Protein backbone atom coordinates (compact mmCIF):
# COMPACT_ATOMS: atom_id res chain seq x y z
CA MET A 1 -22.94 72.57 -18.43
CA ARG A 2 -24.86 75.17 -20.32
CA ALA A 3 -23.37 76.18 -23.70
CA VAL A 4 -24.27 79.88 -23.68
CA SER A 5 -22.14 80.46 -26.94
CA LEU A 6 -24.78 78.88 -29.20
CA SER A 7 -27.32 81.68 -28.54
CA GLN A 8 -24.75 84.45 -28.59
CA GLU A 9 -23.57 86.49 -31.50
CA PRO A 10 -21.73 85.96 -33.69
CA ALA A 11 -22.35 82.28 -33.39
CA LEU A 12 -26.21 82.58 -33.53
CA SER A 13 -26.28 84.13 -36.92
CA ALA A 14 -23.61 81.91 -38.37
CA LEU A 15 -25.51 78.77 -37.20
CA LYS A 16 -28.66 80.15 -38.74
CA GLN A 17 -27.07 81.03 -42.04
CA TYR A 18 -24.71 78.16 -42.76
CA PHE A 19 -25.92 75.11 -40.72
CA VAL A 20 -28.84 72.78 -40.34
CA CYS A 21 -28.79 72.33 -36.54
CA GLY A 22 -29.76 69.33 -34.52
CA THR A 23 -29.33 67.98 -31.03
CA LYS A 24 -28.88 64.53 -29.42
CA ASP A 25 -29.61 63.74 -25.85
CA ILE A 26 -26.47 61.93 -24.59
CA THR A 27 -27.64 61.46 -20.98
CA ASP A 28 -27.77 57.72 -21.25
CA GLU A 29 -24.70 57.34 -23.39
CA PRO A 30 -21.81 55.47 -21.80
CA TYR A 31 -19.40 58.41 -22.58
CA ALA A 32 -21.70 61.03 -21.04
CA GLY A 33 -20.26 63.10 -18.17
CA GLU A 34 -22.08 63.98 -15.00
CA SER A 35 -23.20 67.42 -13.90
CA GLY A 36 -25.82 69.06 -11.86
CA SER A 37 -29.34 69.34 -13.33
CA HIS A 38 -30.11 73.09 -14.51
CA GLY A 39 -33.35 74.57 -15.44
CA ASN A 40 -33.97 76.04 -18.84
CA PHE A 41 -34.09 79.59 -17.50
CA GLY A 42 -31.30 79.14 -14.93
CA ASN A 43 -28.04 81.05 -14.80
CA ALA A 44 -25.40 80.63 -17.57
CA LEU A 45 -21.82 81.58 -17.40
CA VAL A 46 -18.66 81.80 -19.51
CA THR A 47 -15.78 79.35 -18.96
CA THR A 48 -12.78 78.22 -20.92
CA ASN A 49 -12.85 76.51 -24.38
CA GLY A 50 -13.02 72.72 -24.05
CA ALA A 51 -14.49 72.79 -20.47
CA GLY A 52 -16.94 69.98 -19.79
CA PRO A 53 -15.97 67.72 -22.70
CA HIS A 54 -17.91 64.64 -21.39
CA ASN A 55 -21.11 66.81 -21.12
CA LEU A 56 -21.24 68.34 -24.57
CA GLN A 57 -19.72 67.88 -28.16
CA LEU A 58 -20.31 70.18 -30.91
CA PHE A 59 -20.13 68.25 -34.24
CA MET A 60 -19.89 69.88 -37.67
CA LEU A 61 -20.80 67.32 -40.28
CA THR A 62 -21.25 67.06 -44.07
CA PRO A 63 -24.84 66.40 -45.33
CA ASP A 64 -23.91 62.66 -45.56
CA GLY A 65 -22.75 62.48 -41.99
CA VAL A 66 -18.98 62.76 -42.25
CA VAL A 67 -17.18 64.49 -39.36
CA LEU A 68 -15.48 67.76 -40.49
CA ASN A 69 -14.86 69.20 -37.05
CA CYS A 70 -15.82 68.57 -33.49
CA LEU A 71 -15.40 70.92 -30.49
CA PRO A 72 -15.61 69.16 -27.05
CA GLY A 73 -17.31 71.11 -24.23
CA TYR A 74 -18.00 74.82 -24.10
CA TRP A 75 -16.45 77.27 -26.78
CA ALA A 76 -16.59 81.06 -26.84
CA PRO A 77 -18.82 82.41 -29.63
CA GLN A 78 -16.01 83.96 -31.63
CA ASP A 79 -13.99 80.86 -31.47
CA LEU A 80 -16.93 78.73 -32.40
CA VAL A 81 -17.42 80.83 -35.63
CA TYR A 82 -13.69 80.55 -36.34
CA GLU A 83 -14.04 76.74 -36.32
CA MET A 84 -17.21 76.84 -38.40
CA ALA A 85 -15.29 78.65 -41.16
CA PHE A 86 -12.65 76.02 -40.98
CA ALA A 87 -15.25 73.24 -41.30
CA GLU A 88 -16.43 74.91 -44.55
CA GLN A 89 -12.98 74.70 -45.86
CA LEU A 90 -12.82 71.01 -45.15
CA ASN A 91 -16.23 70.57 -46.71
CA GLN A 92 -14.94 71.94 -50.00
CA VAL A 93 -12.18 69.52 -49.86
CA TRP A 94 -14.63 66.58 -49.26
CA ASN A 95 -16.84 67.69 -52.19
CA ASN A 96 -14.01 68.24 -54.67
CA LYS A 97 -14.19 65.29 -57.11
CA GLN A 98 -10.71 66.07 -58.47
CA TYR A 99 -9.14 64.80 -55.27
CA SER A 100 -8.66 61.06 -54.64
CA THR A 101 -9.58 59.62 -51.22
CA ALA A 102 -5.95 59.59 -50.25
CA GLN A 103 -5.41 63.18 -51.21
CA LYS A 104 -8.52 64.18 -49.22
CA ASN A 105 -7.34 62.42 -46.25
CA TYR A 106 -3.86 63.89 -46.48
CA MET A 107 -5.34 67.38 -46.79
CA PHE A 108 -7.70 66.77 -43.73
CA ARG A 109 -4.69 65.81 -41.59
CA THR A 110 -2.50 68.57 -42.68
CA MET A 111 -5.23 71.21 -42.59
CA HIS A 112 -6.26 70.36 -39.02
CA LEU A 113 -2.58 70.36 -37.67
CA ALA A 114 -1.92 73.62 -39.51
CA HIS A 115 -5.11 75.19 -38.22
CA ALA A 116 -4.10 74.54 -34.65
CA LYS A 117 -0.83 76.23 -35.15
CA ALA A 118 -2.54 79.26 -36.59
CA HIS A 119 -5.11 79.88 -33.99
CA PRO A 120 -5.15 83.56 -32.72
CA LYS A 121 -3.40 84.01 -29.37
CA GLU A 122 -6.52 85.20 -27.85
CA MET A 123 -8.24 81.96 -28.77
CA THR A 124 -5.49 79.88 -27.30
CA ASN A 125 -5.50 81.90 -24.07
CA ARG A 126 -9.28 81.07 -23.83
CA SER A 127 -8.39 77.44 -24.31
CA HIS A 128 -6.30 76.44 -21.21
CA LEU A 129 -7.34 73.39 -19.14
CA GLN A 130 -9.44 74.04 -16.02
CA GLY A 131 -7.15 73.57 -13.03
CA PHE A 132 -8.96 70.45 -11.77
CA ASP A 133 -8.81 68.90 -15.37
CA ALA A 134 -5.13 69.59 -15.55
CA LEU A 135 -4.51 68.02 -12.08
CA TYR A 136 -6.67 64.93 -13.16
CA GLU A 137 -4.54 64.42 -16.21
CA ALA A 138 -1.21 64.80 -14.19
CA GLU A 139 -2.42 62.45 -11.46
CA ASN A 140 -3.77 59.82 -13.65
CA HIS A 141 -2.11 60.04 -17.12
CA LEU A 142 1.21 61.70 -16.58
CA ALA A 143 3.10 59.49 -18.95
CA THR A 144 0.46 58.98 -21.56
CA SER A 145 -1.79 62.20 -21.78
CA ASP A 146 -1.55 64.13 -25.16
CA PHE A 147 -2.39 67.14 -23.05
CA ILE A 148 1.03 67.04 -21.26
CA ARG A 149 3.54 68.81 -23.44
CA ASP A 150 6.43 68.46 -20.98
CA LYS A 151 6.04 66.21 -18.00
CA THR A 152 9.38 67.41 -16.54
CA LEU A 153 7.55 70.76 -15.78
CA ILE A 154 5.12 68.93 -13.44
CA THR A 155 6.69 68.52 -10.00
CA LYS A 156 5.62 68.14 -6.37
CA ASN A 157 6.13 70.67 -3.66
CA ALA A 158 7.18 69.97 -0.09
CA GLU A 159 3.66 69.03 0.90
CA GLY A 160 3.47 66.40 -1.93
CA HIS A 161 1.05 68.48 -4.09
CA LEU A 162 1.52 68.67 -7.85
CA LYS A 163 2.53 72.04 -9.34
CA TRP A 164 3.31 72.99 -12.92
CA THR A 165 4.22 75.88 -15.32
CA PRO A 166 1.82 76.96 -18.01
CA ASN A 167 3.89 75.40 -20.66
CA ALA A 168 3.58 71.96 -19.12
CA PHE A 169 0.26 71.48 -20.85
CA ARG A 170 -1.16 71.76 -24.30
CA THR A 171 -4.35 73.76 -24.72
CA THR A 172 -7.75 72.25 -25.68
CA ASP A 173 -7.85 74.09 -29.08
CA GLU A 174 -4.48 72.29 -30.04
CA VAL A 175 -5.36 68.85 -28.75
CA MET A 176 -8.79 68.60 -30.41
CA HIS A 177 -7.19 69.24 -33.81
CA MET A 178 -4.50 66.62 -33.10
CA ARG A 179 -7.09 64.13 -32.18
CA LEU A 180 -9.21 64.90 -35.28
CA ALA A 181 -6.25 64.67 -37.59
CA SER A 182 -5.75 61.05 -36.87
CA HIS A 183 -9.22 60.21 -38.26
CA PRO A 184 -9.80 62.02 -41.57
CA PHE A 185 -13.29 62.32 -42.87
CA GLU A 186 -14.68 59.62 -40.60
CA ARG A 187 -18.45 59.00 -40.54
CA TYR A 188 -20.30 60.16 -37.44
CA ASP A 189 -21.63 56.65 -36.81
CA LYS A 190 -18.08 55.40 -36.61
CA PHE A 191 -16.75 58.25 -34.56
CA ASN A 192 -15.53 57.28 -31.05
CA VAL A 193 -16.95 60.01 -28.99
CA ALA A 194 -15.86 58.45 -25.76
CA ALA A 195 -12.22 58.48 -26.62
CA PHE A 196 -12.34 61.95 -28.43
CA SER A 197 -13.72 63.58 -25.47
CA ASP A 198 -11.66 61.69 -22.80
CA TYR A 199 -9.86 64.09 -20.73
CA GLY A 200 -10.20 65.76 -17.42
CA LYS A 201 -12.72 64.90 -14.69
CA GLN A 202 -15.95 63.04 -15.55
CA HIS A 203 -17.97 65.35 -13.19
CA TYR A 204 -18.12 69.03 -14.38
CA ASP A 205 -20.50 71.51 -12.72
CA LYS A 206 -19.91 75.21 -11.78
CA SER A 207 -23.32 75.31 -9.93
CA GLU A 208 -24.35 78.37 -11.82
CA ASP A 209 -27.95 78.02 -10.68
CA ALA A 210 -26.81 78.55 -7.20
CA MET A 211 -24.78 81.66 -8.02
CA ARG A 212 -25.66 84.74 -5.98
CA GLU A 213 -25.67 88.32 -7.40
CA ASP A 214 -22.24 88.92 -6.00
CA GLY A 215 -20.87 86.02 -8.09
CA HIS A 216 -20.28 83.66 -5.30
CA ILE A 217 -21.95 80.28 -5.00
CA ASP A 218 -24.63 79.64 -2.33
CA HIS A 219 -23.40 76.15 -1.36
CA GLU A 220 -26.63 75.49 0.71
CA LYS A 221 -28.47 75.40 -2.64
CA THR A 222 -26.22 72.76 -4.16
CA VAL A 223 -26.83 70.26 -1.35
CA GLY A 224 -28.95 67.38 -2.66
CA GLN A 225 -29.05 68.89 -6.25
CA PRO A 226 -30.09 66.31 -8.76
CA THR A 227 -27.47 65.31 -11.33
CA LEU A 228 -27.42 64.39 -15.00
CA GLY A 229 -25.23 61.73 -16.65
CA LYS A 230 -23.36 58.70 -15.26
CA ALA A 231 -20.37 57.92 -13.05
CA HIS A 232 -17.02 57.58 -14.89
CA LYS A 233 -16.52 54.91 -17.46
CA PRO A 234 -13.33 54.29 -19.34
CA ALA A 235 -13.16 55.25 -23.00
CA GLU A 236 -13.95 52.47 -25.51
CA VAL A 237 -11.04 50.93 -27.25
CA ASN A 238 -10.58 49.49 -30.77
CA ASP A 239 -9.67 45.83 -31.44
CA ASP A 240 -5.96 46.66 -31.31
CA GLY A 241 -6.32 47.73 -27.73
CA LYS A 242 -5.31 51.35 -28.38
CA TYR A 243 -7.39 54.45 -27.45
CA TRP A 244 -8.79 56.12 -30.46
CA GLY A 245 -7.66 59.60 -30.83
CA ASN A 246 -5.85 59.67 -27.55
CA THR A 247 -2.58 58.32 -29.26
CA PHE A 248 -0.49 59.17 -26.23
CA ARG A 249 -2.44 57.06 -23.79
CA LYS A 250 -1.98 53.31 -23.33
């Protein structure tokens, strides 16, 4: 998946002004998702916040490698900047020597949860799960997924297909703050990326390089297309056997 938001304003200027940017190729990582292989000058498109979490994670770190914020998958430019500003608030807490470690951790948790509740409605509207990801969660993690707000709102129709109302699922902008809140000021080298980004289908590809001018996909061009990443592997677990971050999964 191509993260077009990084090269668009207002994200581009904010990245240049406030961050030292770096990248990591996760193709061979066990948590990497799978997608089609796209050329550097291929088509790009806009999708919903949090789409393609296995393919891309956007970390915001302190200079000493502590995770302040992490956005799984694609994020719209304006929402990315909004989360950058929040990371700066957390960075001020981290650098404040007047706070004890316990106080800093408490502030991290409460600030993340409060921030999720204060997101602009437009941002939340851009953060709904893709339909196939919602279906995957309902089919495979109905009783345990932290994305499912109310499983009673997920039912089967006469043909046996799942259906749901919008309120059945939490949005990606809410869940990512919930997951981060459980691991305050954790170092990047200890951060369990596999579990943090564990939701939805492992394969994510909208075949944008095969998109015609009319906006439809030329499916003949997708046949035999090379892929990046690996087949699905379960998220890593800690010694206590519980998924990190995904506290509603067992």
